[in-house]
Amino acid sequence: RNGVADAREKCANWCNIRGAGVGLLPTTKTVDKDLIDAYFWLKTPGESDGCSQTLPDGSECPRYDADCGSQDSLGTRAGEPPAPEAGQWFDFQVKMLAENAKMTGSVVPSVLKALSETPTSSNPFEGRKYYVNPSYAEQAKVSIESAEGQVKTTLEQMVQVPSAYWLDTKSKIRGEGTKTMEGILKDAAAKSPPQL
């Protein structure tokens, strides 16, 4: 979500930032290979950071954090939908992230090809195949189907990009399937070769 510099009025604001866009595609081509091994998406684009005080269904959010009511947070201005609870799919946000995307430097297919090549350095990430969670594509499907133009094209690329899995509740740790950390690790390890 770092594709747009200076999107926030206050740097301390972090929750569902208005005007944000996805940034560079994950890569080991960094500005300083001695200091930085790789760039990754550390939060799944489209999952809410936290809820507005009032949820989309009109009820009060039981996990409301005042930081999600900042002047920079989606859902605090007229005409914006309220944000769902942390980790829930936020259609308005993912479309904004796609609209403001700055994934320049390469395109998804070439990055994914590079990630599967044989390592050529001591960088533990270089040449490795990275796991793309199939649950992300499921969540994004509704947003893709209702999007148009470049936003739709960008969303279709985004679902092919690996990102970290955000643990916002304990219930996402154990369990089967690709909506839990345990299930994701099992699925990634079952790939040939195993994926990071």
N, C-alpha and C. Protein backbone atom coordinates (compact mmCIF):
# COMPACT_ATOMS: atom_id res chain seq x y z
N ARG A 1 0.81 -1.19 0.00
CA ARG A 1 0.00 0.00 0.00
C ARG A 1 0.86 1.25 0.00
N ASN A 2 2.06 1.11 -0.50
CA ASN A 2 2.98 2.25 -0.50
C ASN A 2 3.16 2.83 -1.89
N GLY A 3 2.22 2.60 -2.77
CA GLY A 3 2.36 3.08 -4.14
C GLY A 3 2.14 4.57 -4.30
N VAL A 4 1.58 5.21 -3.28
CA VAL A 4 1.32 6.65 -3.35
C VAL A 4 2.04 7.34 -2.20
N ALA A 5 3.03 8.13 -2.53
CA ALA A 5 3.76 8.87 -1.49
C ALA A 5 2.89 9.97 -0.92
N ASP A 6 3.05 10.24 0.34
CA ASP A 6 2.37 11.35 1.02
C ASP A 6 0.85 11.31 0.90
N ALA A 7 0.27 10.12 0.96
CA ALA A 7 -1.19 9.99 0.87
C ALA A 7 -1.86 10.41 2.18
N ARG A 8 -1.09 10.46 3.26
CA ARG A 8 -1.67 10.76 4.57
C ARG A 8 -1.37 12.19 5.00
N GLU A 9 -2.33 12.79 5.71
CA GLU A 9 -2.08 14.11 6.29
C GLU A 9 -1.14 13.97 7.48
N LYS A 10 -1.27 12.87 8.23
CA LYS A 10 -0.40 12.60 9.37
C LYS A 10 0.24 11.24 9.18
N CYS A 11 1.54 11.18 9.29
CA CYS A 11 2.28 9.94 9.07
C CYS A 11 1.86 8.83 10.03
N ALA A 12 1.41 9.18 11.23
CA ALA A 12 1.02 8.19 12.23
C ALA A 12 -0.27 7.46 11.86
N ASN A 13 -1.05 8.01 10.94
CA ASN A 13 -2.30 7.36 10.55
C ASN A 13 -2.00 6.15 9.67
N TRP A 14 -2.66 5.03 9.97
CA TRP A 14 -2.34 3.78 9.30
C TRP A 14 -3.55 3.00 8.82
N CYS A 15 -4.73 3.34 9.25
CA CYS A 15 -5.91 2.49 9.03
C CYS A 15 -6.68 2.86 7.77
N ASN A 16 -6.73 1.95 6.81
CA ASN A 16 -7.52 2.12 5.58
C ASN A 16 -7.31 3.51 4.97
N ILE A 17 -6.09 3.81 4.64
CA ILE A 17 -5.72 5.17 4.22
C ILE A 17 -6.34 5.52 2.86
N ARG A 18 -7.03 6.63 2.85
CA ARG A 18 -7.65 7.17 1.64
C ARG A 18 -6.56 7.58 0.65
N GLY A 19 -6.74 7.22 -0.60
CA GLY A 19 -5.78 7.62 -1.64
C GLY A 19 -4.59 6.69 -1.79
N ALA A 20 -4.52 5.64 -0.98
CA ALA A 20 -3.39 4.70 -1.07
C ALA A 20 -3.50 3.88 -2.35
N GLY A 21 -2.40 3.28 -2.74
CA GLY A 21 -2.36 2.38 -3.89
C GLY A 21 -1.32 1.31 -3.65
N VAL A 22 -1.49 0.15 -4.27
CA VAL A 22 -0.48 -0.89 -4.11
C VAL A 22 0.81 -0.41 -4.74
N GLY A 23 1.92 -0.87 -4.18
CA GLY A 23 3.24 -0.44 -4.63
C GLY A 23 3.92 -1.45 -5.52
N LEU A 24 5.23 -1.38 -5.55
CA LEU A 24 6.03 -2.25 -6.40
C LEU A 24 5.68 -3.71 -6.19
N LEU A 25 5.73 -4.45 -7.27
CA LEU A 25 5.54 -5.89 -7.17
C LEU A 25 6.68 -6.49 -6.36
N PRO A 26 6.43 -7.57 -5.62
CA PRO A 26 7.50 -8.21 -4.87
C PRO A 26 8.68 -8.54 -5.79
N THR A 27 9.86 -8.21 -5.31
CA THR A 27 11.07 -8.42 -6.11
C THR A 27 12.30 -8.43 -5.22
N THR A 28 13.35 -9.07 -5.71
CA THR A 28 14.65 -9.01 -5.03
C THR A 28 15.53 -7.95 -5.66
N LYS A 29 15.02 -7.24 -6.65
CA LYS A 29 15.76 -6.14 -7.27
C LYS A 29 15.50 -4.88 -6.45
N THR A 30 16.35 -4.67 -5.45
CA THR A 30 16.17 -3.56 -4.51
C THR A 30 17.22 -2.48 -4.75
N VAL A 31 17.04 -1.34 -4.09
CA VAL A 31 17.98 -0.23 -4.27
C VAL A 31 19.32 -0.49 -3.61
N ASP A 32 19.37 -1.35 -2.60
CA ASP A 32 20.61 -1.65 -1.89
C ASP A 32 20.60 -3.12 -1.49
N LYS A 33 21.18 -3.97 -2.33
CA LYS A 33 21.15 -5.43 -2.10
C LYS A 33 21.90 -5.84 -0.83
N ASP A 34 22.83 -5.01 -0.35
CA ASP A 34 23.55 -5.33 0.89
C ASP A 34 22.67 -5.09 2.11
N LEU A 35 21.68 -4.23 1.97
CA LEU A 35 20.83 -3.86 3.10
C LEU A 35 19.42 -4.44 3.00
N ILE A 36 18.89 -4.51 1.78
CA ILE A 36 17.50 -4.93 1.57
C ILE A 36 17.47 -6.15 0.66
N ASP A 37 16.98 -7.28 1.18
CA ASP A 37 16.90 -8.51 0.39
C ASP A 37 15.79 -8.46 -0.65
N ALA A 38 14.63 -7.93 -0.26
CA ALA A 38 13.48 -7.98 -1.16
C ALA A 38 12.42 -6.98 -0.73
N TYR A 39 11.54 -6.67 -1.67
CA TYR A 39 10.33 -5.92 -1.39
C TYR A 39 9.17 -6.90 -1.48
N PHE A 40 8.26 -6.85 -0.50
CA PHE A 40 7.08 -7.71 -0.49
C PHE A 40 5.85 -6.90 -0.14
N TRP A 41 4.69 -7.41 -0.50
CA TRP A 41 3.43 -6.85 -0.03
C TRP A 41 3.16 -7.50 1.33
N LEU A 42 3.19 -6.72 2.38
CA LEU A 42 3.08 -7.27 3.73
C LEU A 42 1.66 -7.34 4.27
N LYS A 43 0.73 -6.88 3.52
CA LYS A 43 -0.68 -7.00 3.91
C LYS A 43 -1.46 -7.29 2.64
N THR A 44 -2.39 -8.21 2.72
CA THR A 44 -3.19 -8.56 1.56
C THR A 44 -4.03 -7.37 1.13
N PRO A 45 -3.81 -6.86 -0.07
CA PRO A 45 -4.61 -5.71 -0.52
C PRO A 45 -6.09 -6.07 -0.60
N GLY A 46 -6.92 -5.25 0.01
CA GLY A 46 -8.36 -5.47 0.00
C GLY A 46 -8.91 -5.92 1.34
N GLU A 47 -8.04 -6.37 2.23
CA GLU A 47 -8.50 -6.71 3.57
C GLU A 47 -8.45 -5.45 4.42
N SER A 48 -9.54 -5.17 5.09
CA SER A 48 -9.65 -3.98 5.91
C SER A 48 -8.60 -3.98 7.03
N ASP A 49 -8.07 -2.80 7.33
CA ASP A 49 -7.13 -2.66 8.45
C ASP A 49 -7.88 -2.62 9.78
N GLY A 50 -9.10 -2.20 9.74
CA GLY A 50 -9.93 -2.07 10.93
C GLY A 50 -11.23 -1.39 10.56
N CYS A 51 -12.19 -1.42 11.47
CA CYS A 51 -13.53 -0.96 11.14
C CYS A 51 -13.76 0.50 11.48
N SER A 52 -14.70 1.08 10.76
CA SER A 52 -15.25 2.37 11.12
C SER A 52 -16.04 2.16 12.41
N GLN A 53 -16.38 3.25 13.11
CA GLN A 53 -17.13 3.10 14.34
C GLN A 53 -18.46 2.40 14.08
N THR A 54 -19.05 2.68 12.91
CA THR A 54 -20.27 2.01 12.49
C THR A 54 -19.91 1.08 11.34
N LEU A 55 -20.33 -0.18 11.44
CA LEU A 55 -20.05 -1.18 10.41
C LEU A 55 -20.96 -0.99 9.20
N PRO A 56 -20.61 -1.61 8.07
CA PRO A 56 -21.45 -1.49 6.88
C PRO A 56 -22.92 -1.88 7.10
N ASP A 57 -23.20 -2.79 8.04
CA ASP A 57 -24.58 -3.20 8.30
C ASP A 57 -25.31 -2.24 9.24
N GLY A 58 -24.63 -1.16 9.69
CA GLY A 58 -25.25 -0.16 10.56
C GLY A 58 -25.03 -0.39 12.04
N SER A 59 -24.50 -1.55 12.42
CA SER A 59 -24.24 -1.82 13.84
C SER A 59 -22.92 -1.19 14.28
N GLU A 60 -22.73 -1.12 15.58
CA GLU A 60 -21.49 -0.58 16.13
C GLU A 60 -20.38 -1.62 16.03
N CYS A 61 -19.18 -1.18 15.72
CA CYS A 61 -18.06 -2.11 15.59
C CYS A 61 -17.54 -2.47 16.98
N PRO A 62 -17.52 -3.77 17.33
CA PRO A 62 -17.05 -4.17 18.66
C PRO A 62 -15.53 -4.03 18.82
N ARG A 63 -14.79 -3.95 17.71
CA ARG A 63 -13.32 -3.87 17.77
C ARG A 63 -12.84 -2.51 17.25
N TYR A 64 -13.65 -1.48 17.41
CA TYR A 64 -13.30 -0.17 16.87
C TYR A 64 -12.03 0.38 17.51
N ASP A 65 -11.14 0.89 16.68
CA ASP A 65 -9.91 1.54 17.10
C ASP A 65 -10.00 2.98 16.61
N ALA A 66 -9.80 3.94 17.48
CA ALA A 66 -9.93 5.35 17.12
C ALA A 66 -9.03 5.72 15.94
N ASP A 67 -7.93 4.99 15.73
CA ASP A 67 -7.06 5.27 14.58
C ASP A 67 -7.79 5.03 13.26
N CYS A 68 -8.82 4.21 13.28
CA CYS A 68 -9.60 3.95 12.07
C CYS A 68 -10.65 5.03 11.83
N GLY A 69 -10.65 6.03 12.68
CA GLY A 69 -11.53 7.19 12.51
C GLY A 69 -10.74 8.45 12.21
N SER A 70 -9.47 8.29 11.82
CA SER A 70 -8.63 9.45 11.53
C SER A 70 -9.12 10.17 10.28
N GLN A 71 -8.68 11.39 10.09
CA GLN A 71 -9.07 12.16 8.91
C GLN A 71 -8.56 11.52 7.62
N ASP A 72 -7.60 10.60 7.71
CA ASP A 72 -7.05 9.93 6.54
C ASP A 72 -7.72 8.59 6.24
N SER A 73 -8.57 8.12 7.14
CA SER A 73 -9.16 6.78 7.02
C SER A 73 -10.42 6.78 6.16
N LEU A 74 -10.53 5.76 5.30
CA LEU A 74 -11.75 5.57 4.52
C LEU A 74 -12.93 5.36 5.47
N GLY A 75 -14.07 5.87 5.06
CA GLY A 75 -15.28 5.72 5.87
C GLY A 75 -15.54 6.88 6.79
N THR A 76 -14.66 7.89 6.76
CA THR A 76 -14.85 9.05 7.64
C THR A 76 -15.39 10.27 6.89
N ARG A 77 -15.53 10.16 5.59
CA ARG A 77 -16.07 11.27 4.79
C ARG A 77 -17.42 10.87 4.18
N ALA A 78 -18.24 11.87 3.95
CA ALA A 78 -19.53 11.64 3.30
C ALA A 78 -19.29 10.99 1.93
N GLY A 79 -20.12 10.04 1.61
CA GLY A 79 -20.01 9.36 0.32
C GLY A 79 -19.11 8.14 0.33
N GLU A 80 -18.38 7.92 1.41
CA GLU A 80 -17.53 6.74 1.53
C GLU A 80 -18.25 5.68 2.35
N PRO A 81 -18.15 4.42 1.95
CA PRO A 81 -18.78 3.37 2.75
C PRO A 81 -18.01 3.15 4.04
N PRO A 82 -18.68 2.74 5.10
CA PRO A 82 -17.97 2.41 6.33
C PRO A 82 -17.06 1.19 6.11
N ALA A 83 -15.98 1.15 6.84
CA ALA A 83 -15.03 0.05 6.72
C ALA A 83 -15.48 -1.13 7.56
N PRO A 84 -15.33 -2.35 7.02
CA PRO A 84 -15.65 -3.55 7.81
C PRO A 84 -14.55 -3.83 8.84
N GLU A 85 -14.78 -4.84 9.65
CA GLU A 85 -13.78 -5.21 10.67
C GLU A 85 -12.47 -5.64 10.02
N ALA A 86 -11.40 -5.56 10.80
CA ALA A 86 -10.06 -5.93 10.33
C ALA A 86 -10.08 -7.33 9.74
N GLY A 87 -9.44 -7.46 8.58
CA GLY A 87 -9.33 -8.75 7.92
C GLY A 87 -10.49 -9.08 7.00
N GLN A 88 -11.59 -8.34 7.11
CA GLN A 88 -12.74 -8.58 6.23
C GLN A 88 -12.51 -7.89 4.89
N TRP A 89 -13.11 -8.41 3.84
CA TRP A 89 -12.93 -7.86 2.50
C TRP A 89 -13.57 -6.49 2.41
N PHE A 90 -12.82 -5.53 1.85
CA PHE A 90 -13.26 -4.14 1.73
C PHE A 90 -13.20 -3.76 0.25
N ASP A 91 -14.32 -3.99 -0.44
CA ASP A 91 -14.40 -3.79 -1.88
C ASP A 91 -13.99 -2.37 -2.30
N PHE A 92 -14.50 -1.38 -1.61
CA PHE A 92 -14.19 0.02 -1.94
C PHE A 92 -12.69 0.27 -1.86
N GLN A 93 -12.07 -0.27 -0.82
CA GLN A 93 -10.64 -0.08 -0.62
C GLN A 93 -9.80 -0.77 -1.69
N VAL A 94 -10.12 -2.03 -2.03
CA VAL A 94 -9.28 -2.74 -3.00
C VAL A 94 -9.36 -2.08 -4.37
N LYS A 95 -10.52 -1.55 -4.71
CA LYS A 95 -10.64 -0.84 -5.99
C LYS A 95 -9.84 0.45 -5.98
N MET A 96 -9.80 1.13 -4.85
CA MET A 96 -8.98 2.33 -4.72
C MET A 96 -7.49 1.96 -4.83
N LEU A 97 -7.08 0.88 -4.16
CA LEU A 97 -5.69 0.44 -4.23
C LEU A 97 -5.28 0.10 -5.66
N ALA A 98 -6.20 -0.49 -6.41
CA ALA A 98 -5.93 -0.82 -7.82
C ALA A 98 -5.89 0.45 -8.67
N GLU A 99 -6.83 1.35 -8.42
CA GLU A 99 -6.89 2.60 -9.21
C GLU A 99 -5.63 3.43 -9.03
N ASN A 100 -5.06 3.42 -7.82
CA ASN A 100 -3.87 4.23 -7.51
C ASN A 100 -2.58 3.42 -7.54
N ALA A 101 -2.63 2.22 -8.10
CA ALA A 101 -1.46 1.32 -8.10
C ALA A 101 -0.27 1.93 -8.82
N LYS A 102 0.91 1.65 -8.26
CA LYS A 102 2.18 2.04 -8.86
C LYS A 102 3.08 0.82 -8.85
N MET A 103 2.72 -0.17 -9.66
CA MET A 103 3.46 -1.43 -9.69
C MET A 103 4.56 -1.39 -10.74
N THR A 104 4.96 -0.22 -11.17
CA THR A 104 5.91 -0.06 -12.26
C THR A 104 7.25 -0.72 -11.97
N GLY A 105 7.96 -0.97 -13.03
CA GLY A 105 9.26 -1.62 -12.92
C GLY A 105 9.24 -2.94 -13.65
N SER A 106 8.09 -3.61 -13.65
CA SER A 106 7.92 -4.85 -14.38
C SER A 106 6.45 -5.21 -14.33
N VAL A 107 6.08 -6.28 -14.99
CA VAL A 107 4.69 -6.74 -14.97
C VAL A 107 4.62 -8.06 -14.24
N VAL A 108 3.44 -8.43 -13.81
CA VAL A 108 3.25 -9.63 -13.00
C VAL A 108 3.88 -10.88 -13.61
N PRO A 109 3.61 -11.23 -14.87
CA PRO A 109 4.18 -12.48 -15.39
C PRO A 109 5.70 -12.55 -15.31
N SER A 110 6.40 -11.46 -15.60
CA SER A 110 7.86 -11.51 -15.54
C SER A 110 8.37 -11.61 -14.11
N VAL A 111 7.68 -10.98 -13.18
CA VAL A 111 8.08 -11.10 -11.77
C VAL A 111 7.85 -12.52 -11.29
N LEU A 112 6.69 -13.10 -11.61
CA LEU A 112 6.42 -14.47 -11.18
C LEU A 112 7.41 -15.45 -11.79
N LYS A 113 7.83 -15.23 -13.04
CA LYS A 113 8.84 -16.08 -13.68
C LYS A 113 10.16 -15.95 -12.95
N ALA A 114 10.55 -14.71 -12.64
CA ALA A 114 11.82 -14.48 -11.94
C ALA A 114 11.82 -15.12 -10.56
N LEU A 115 10.67 -15.14 -9.90
CA LEU A 115 10.59 -15.73 -8.57
C LEU A 115 10.79 -17.24 -8.59
N SER A 116 10.61 -17.87 -9.73
CA SER A 116 10.74 -19.32 -9.80
C SER A 116 12.10 -19.78 -10.32
N GLU A 117 12.99 -18.84 -10.65
CA GLU A 117 14.31 -19.21 -11.17
C GLU A 117 15.23 -19.68 -10.05
N THR A 118 16.30 -20.33 -10.40
CA THR A 118 17.27 -20.86 -9.44
C THR A 118 18.03 -19.73 -8.76
N PRO A 119 18.21 -19.81 -7.44
CA PRO A 119 18.95 -18.76 -6.73
C PRO A 119 20.37 -18.60 -7.28
N THR A 120 20.82 -17.34 -7.34
CA THR A 120 22.17 -17.06 -7.83
C THR A 120 22.99 -16.27 -6.82
N SER A 121 22.47 -16.07 -5.62
CA SER A 121 23.19 -15.30 -4.62
C SER A 121 22.89 -15.84 -3.23
N SER A 122 23.44 -15.18 -2.22
CA SER A 122 23.19 -15.59 -0.84
C SER A 122 21.88 -15.02 -0.31
N ASN A 123 21.19 -14.23 -1.11
CA ASN A 123 19.90 -13.68 -0.71
C ASN A 123 18.91 -14.84 -0.56
N PRO A 124 18.34 -15.05 0.63
CA PRO A 124 17.45 -16.20 0.84
C PRO A 124 16.15 -16.13 0.04
N PHE A 125 15.82 -14.97 -0.49
CA PHE A 125 14.57 -14.81 -1.24
C PHE A 125 14.77 -14.91 -2.74
N GLU A 126 15.98 -14.67 -3.20
CA GLU A 126 16.22 -14.63 -4.64
C GLU A 126 16.03 -16.00 -5.28
N GLY A 127 15.28 -16.01 -6.37
CA GLY A 127 15.06 -17.24 -7.11
C GLY A 127 14.06 -18.20 -6.50
N ARG A 128 13.42 -17.81 -5.43
CA ARG A 128 12.45 -18.69 -4.77
C ARG A 128 11.06 -18.48 -5.35
N LYS A 129 10.27 -19.50 -5.28
CA LYS A 129 8.87 -19.43 -5.70
C LYS A 129 8.06 -19.02 -4.47
N TYR A 130 7.21 -18.01 -4.64
CA TYR A 130 6.42 -17.48 -3.53
C TYR A 130 4.97 -17.92 -3.65
N TYR A 131 4.39 -18.16 -2.52
CA TYR A 131 3.03 -18.67 -2.42
C TYR A 131 2.00 -17.56 -2.69
N VAL A 132 1.05 -17.85 -3.55
CA VAL A 132 -0.08 -16.96 -3.81
C VAL A 132 -1.31 -17.67 -3.24
N ASN A 133 -1.93 -17.08 -2.25
CA ASN A 133 -3.04 -17.69 -1.56
C ASN A 133 -4.29 -17.74 -2.45
N PRO A 134 -4.81 -18.94 -2.73
CA PRO A 134 -6.00 -19.03 -3.58
C PRO A 134 -7.23 -18.38 -2.94
N SER A 135 -7.27 -18.26 -1.62
CA SER A 135 -8.39 -17.59 -0.96
C SER A 135 -8.46 -16.12 -1.34
N TYR A 136 -7.30 -15.52 -1.64
CA TYR A 136 -7.27 -14.12 -2.05
C TYR A 136 -8.02 -13.95 -3.37
N ALA A 137 -7.78 -14.84 -4.32
CA ALA A 137 -8.47 -14.77 -5.60
C ALA A 137 -9.98 -14.94 -5.41
N GLU A 138 -10.38 -15.81 -4.48
CA GLU A 138 -11.81 -15.99 -4.19
C GLU A 138 -12.42 -14.70 -3.67
N GLN A 139 -11.73 -14.05 -2.71
CA GLN A 139 -12.24 -12.81 -2.15
C GLN A 139 -12.33 -11.72 -3.21
N ALA A 140 -11.32 -11.65 -4.04
CA ALA A 140 -11.23 -10.58 -5.04
C ALA A 140 -12.20 -10.76 -6.19
N LYS A 141 -12.73 -11.96 -6.37
CA LYS A 141 -13.57 -12.26 -7.53
C LYS A 141 -14.74 -11.28 -7.67
N VAL A 142 -15.45 -11.01 -6.58
CA VAL A 142 -16.60 -10.10 -6.63
C VAL A 142 -16.15 -8.70 -7.03
N SER A 143 -15.03 -8.26 -6.49
CA SER A 143 -14.52 -6.93 -6.83
C SER A 143 -14.11 -6.86 -8.30
N ILE A 144 -13.47 -7.91 -8.78
CA ILE A 144 -13.05 -7.95 -10.19
C ILE A 144 -14.28 -7.92 -11.10
N GLU A 145 -15.28 -8.71 -10.76
CA GLU A 145 -16.48 -8.78 -11.59
C GLU A 145 -17.22 -7.45 -11.67
N SER A 146 -17.16 -6.65 -10.62
CA SER A 146 -17.88 -5.37 -10.61
C SER A 146 -17.00 -4.19 -11.02
N ALA A 147 -15.71 -4.43 -11.28
CA ALA A 147 -14.80 -3.36 -11.69
C ALA A 147 -14.82 -3.20 -13.21
N GLU A 148 -14.27 -2.08 -13.66
CA GLU A 148 -14.19 -1.80 -15.09
C GLU A 148 -12.83 -1.24 -15.45
N GLY A 149 -12.50 -1.33 -16.73
CA GLY A 149 -11.31 -0.67 -17.28
C GLY A 149 -10.01 -1.08 -16.61
N GLN A 150 -9.16 -0.08 -16.39
CA GLN A 150 -7.84 -0.32 -15.83
C GLN A 150 -7.90 -0.87 -14.41
N VAL A 151 -8.90 -0.46 -13.63
CA VAL A 151 -9.04 -1.00 -12.27
C VAL A 151 -9.24 -2.51 -12.33
N LYS A 152 -10.08 -2.98 -13.24
CA LYS A 152 -10.32 -4.42 -13.40
C LYS A 152 -9.04 -5.13 -13.82
N THR A 153 -8.33 -4.56 -14.79
CA THR A 153 -7.08 -5.16 -15.27
C THR A 153 -6.06 -5.25 -14.13
N THR A 154 -5.94 -4.18 -13.34
CA THR A 154 -4.99 -4.17 -12.23
C THR A 154 -5.39 -5.19 -11.16
N LEU A 155 -6.67 -5.29 -10.86
CA LEU A 155 -7.13 -6.29 -9.89
C LEU A 155 -6.81 -7.70 -10.37
N GLU A 156 -6.98 -7.96 -11.66
CA GLU A 156 -6.66 -9.27 -12.21
C GLU A 156 -5.17 -9.58 -12.07
N GLN A 157 -4.32 -8.57 -12.14
CA GLN A 157 -2.88 -8.77 -11.92
C GLN A 157 -2.59 -8.96 -10.44
N MET A 158 -3.25 -8.17 -9.59
CA MET A 158 -2.98 -8.22 -8.16
C MET A 158 -3.23 -9.59 -7.56
N VAL A 159 -4.24 -10.32 -8.03
CA VAL A 159 -4.55 -11.62 -7.43
C VAL A 159 -3.50 -12.68 -7.77
N GLN A 160 -2.57 -12.36 -8.65
CA GLN A 160 -1.49 -13.29 -9.00
C GLN A 160 -0.21 -12.98 -8.21
N VAL A 161 -0.26 -11.96 -7.36
CA VAL A 161 0.93 -11.50 -6.65
C VAL A 161 0.95 -12.05 -5.22
N PRO A 162 2.07 -12.62 -4.80
CA PRO A 162 2.16 -13.11 -3.42
C PRO A 162 2.15 -11.96 -2.42
N SER A 163 1.51 -12.19 -1.29
CA SER A 163 1.53 -11.20 -0.21
C SER A 163 1.52 -11.95 1.12
N ALA A 164 1.94 -11.26 2.16
CA ALA A 164 1.93 -11.87 3.48
C ALA A 164 0.49 -12.09 3.94
N TYR A 165 0.30 -13.01 4.86
CA TYR A 165 -1.03 -13.29 5.41
C TYR A 165 -1.12 -12.58 6.75
N TRP A 166 -2.09 -11.72 6.88
CA TRP A 166 -2.24 -10.89 8.07
C TRP A 166 -3.05 -11.61 9.13
N LEU A 167 -2.47 -11.77 10.32
CA LEU A 167 -3.16 -12.42 11.44
C LEU A 167 -3.75 -11.35 12.34
N ASP A 168 -5.02 -11.06 12.15
CA ASP A 168 -5.67 -10.05 12.97
C ASP A 168 -6.52 -10.66 14.09
N THR A 169 -6.75 -11.97 14.03
CA THR A 169 -7.47 -12.67 15.09
C THR A 169 -6.82 -14.05 15.30
N LYS A 170 -6.95 -14.57 16.52
CA LYS A 170 -6.38 -15.88 16.84
C LYS A 170 -7.02 -16.99 16.01
N SER A 171 -8.27 -16.77 15.60
CA SER A 171 -8.98 -17.81 14.84
C SER A 171 -8.34 -18.06 13.48
N LYS A 172 -7.46 -17.18 13.02
CA LYS A 172 -6.81 -17.36 11.73
C LYS A 172 -5.50 -18.17 11.84
N ILE A 173 -5.16 -18.62 13.03
CA ILE A 173 -3.90 -19.34 13.20
C ILE A 173 -4.05 -20.82 12.86
N ARG A 174 -4.96 -21.51 13.50
CA ARG A 174 -5.10 -22.96 13.32
C ARG A 174 -6.32 -23.29 12.48
N GLY A 175 -6.19 -24.39 11.73
CA GLY A 175 -7.32 -24.87 10.95
C GLY A 175 -6.90 -25.33 9.57
N GLU A 176 -7.82 -25.92 8.89
CA GLU A 176 -7.57 -26.41 7.53
C GLU A 176 -7.95 -25.34 6.52
N GLY A 177 -7.50 -25.50 5.30
CA GLY A 177 -7.86 -24.56 4.24
C GLY A 177 -6.97 -23.35 4.22
N THR A 178 -7.12 -22.57 3.18
CA THR A 178 -6.20 -21.44 2.98
C THR A 178 -6.71 -20.13 3.57
N LYS A 179 -7.57 -20.24 4.58
CA LYS A 179 -7.99 -19.05 5.33
C LYS A 179 -7.43 -19.06 6.74
N THR A 180 -6.46 -19.97 6.99
CA THR A 180 -5.76 -20.02 8.27
C THR A 180 -4.27 -20.16 7.99
N MET A 181 -3.46 -19.70 8.93
CA MET A 181 -2.01 -19.80 8.76
C MET A 181 -1.57 -21.26 8.65
N GLU A 182 -2.12 -22.12 9.50
CA GLU A 182 -1.77 -23.53 9.45
C GLU A 182 -2.09 -24.13 8.08
N GLY A 183 -3.26 -23.84 7.55
CA GLY A 183 -3.66 -24.36 6.25
C GLY A 183 -2.80 -23.81 5.12
N ILE A 184 -2.45 -22.54 5.20
CA ILE A 184 -1.60 -21.92 4.18
C ILE A 184 -0.22 -22.57 4.17
N LEU A 185 0.36 -22.76 5.36
CA LEU A 185 1.69 -23.38 5.44
C LEU A 185 1.67 -24.80 4.89
N LYS A 186 0.61 -25.56 5.19
CA LYS A 186 0.49 -26.92 4.65
C LYS A 186 0.38 -26.90 3.14
N ASP A 187 -0.43 -25.98 2.61
CA ASP A 187 -0.64 -25.89 1.17
C ASP A 187 0.66 -25.47 0.46
N ALA A 188 1.36 -24.48 1.02
CA ALA A 188 2.62 -24.01 0.42
C ALA A 188 3.68 -25.11 0.45
N ALA A 189 3.74 -25.86 1.55
CA ALA A 189 4.74 -26.93 1.69
C ALA A 189 4.43 -28.10 0.75
N ALA A 190 3.18 -28.27 0.37
CA ALA A 190 2.79 -29.37 -0.50
C ALA A 190 3.12 -29.09 -1.97
N LYS A 191 3.48 -27.85 -2.30
CA LYS A 191 3.82 -27.50 -3.68
C LYS A 191 5.18 -28.11 -4.03
N SER A 192 5.43 -28.28 -5.31
CA SER A 192 6.71 -28.81 -5.75
C SER A 192 7.38 -27.82 -6.70
N PRO A 193 8.46 -27.19 -6.25
CA PRO A 193 9.05 -27.25 -4.90
C PRO A 193 8.21 -26.47 -3.90
N PRO A 194 8.44 -26.71 -2.60
CA PRO A 194 7.72 -25.95 -1.58
C PRO A 194 7.91 -24.45 -1.79
N GLN A 195 6.86 -23.69 -1.49
CA GLN A 195 6.89 -22.24 -1.71
C GLN A 195 7.00 -21.48 -0.41
N LEU A 196 7.61 -20.29 -0.51
CA LEU A 196 7.71 -19.40 0.65
C LEU A 196 6.43 -18.64 0.84
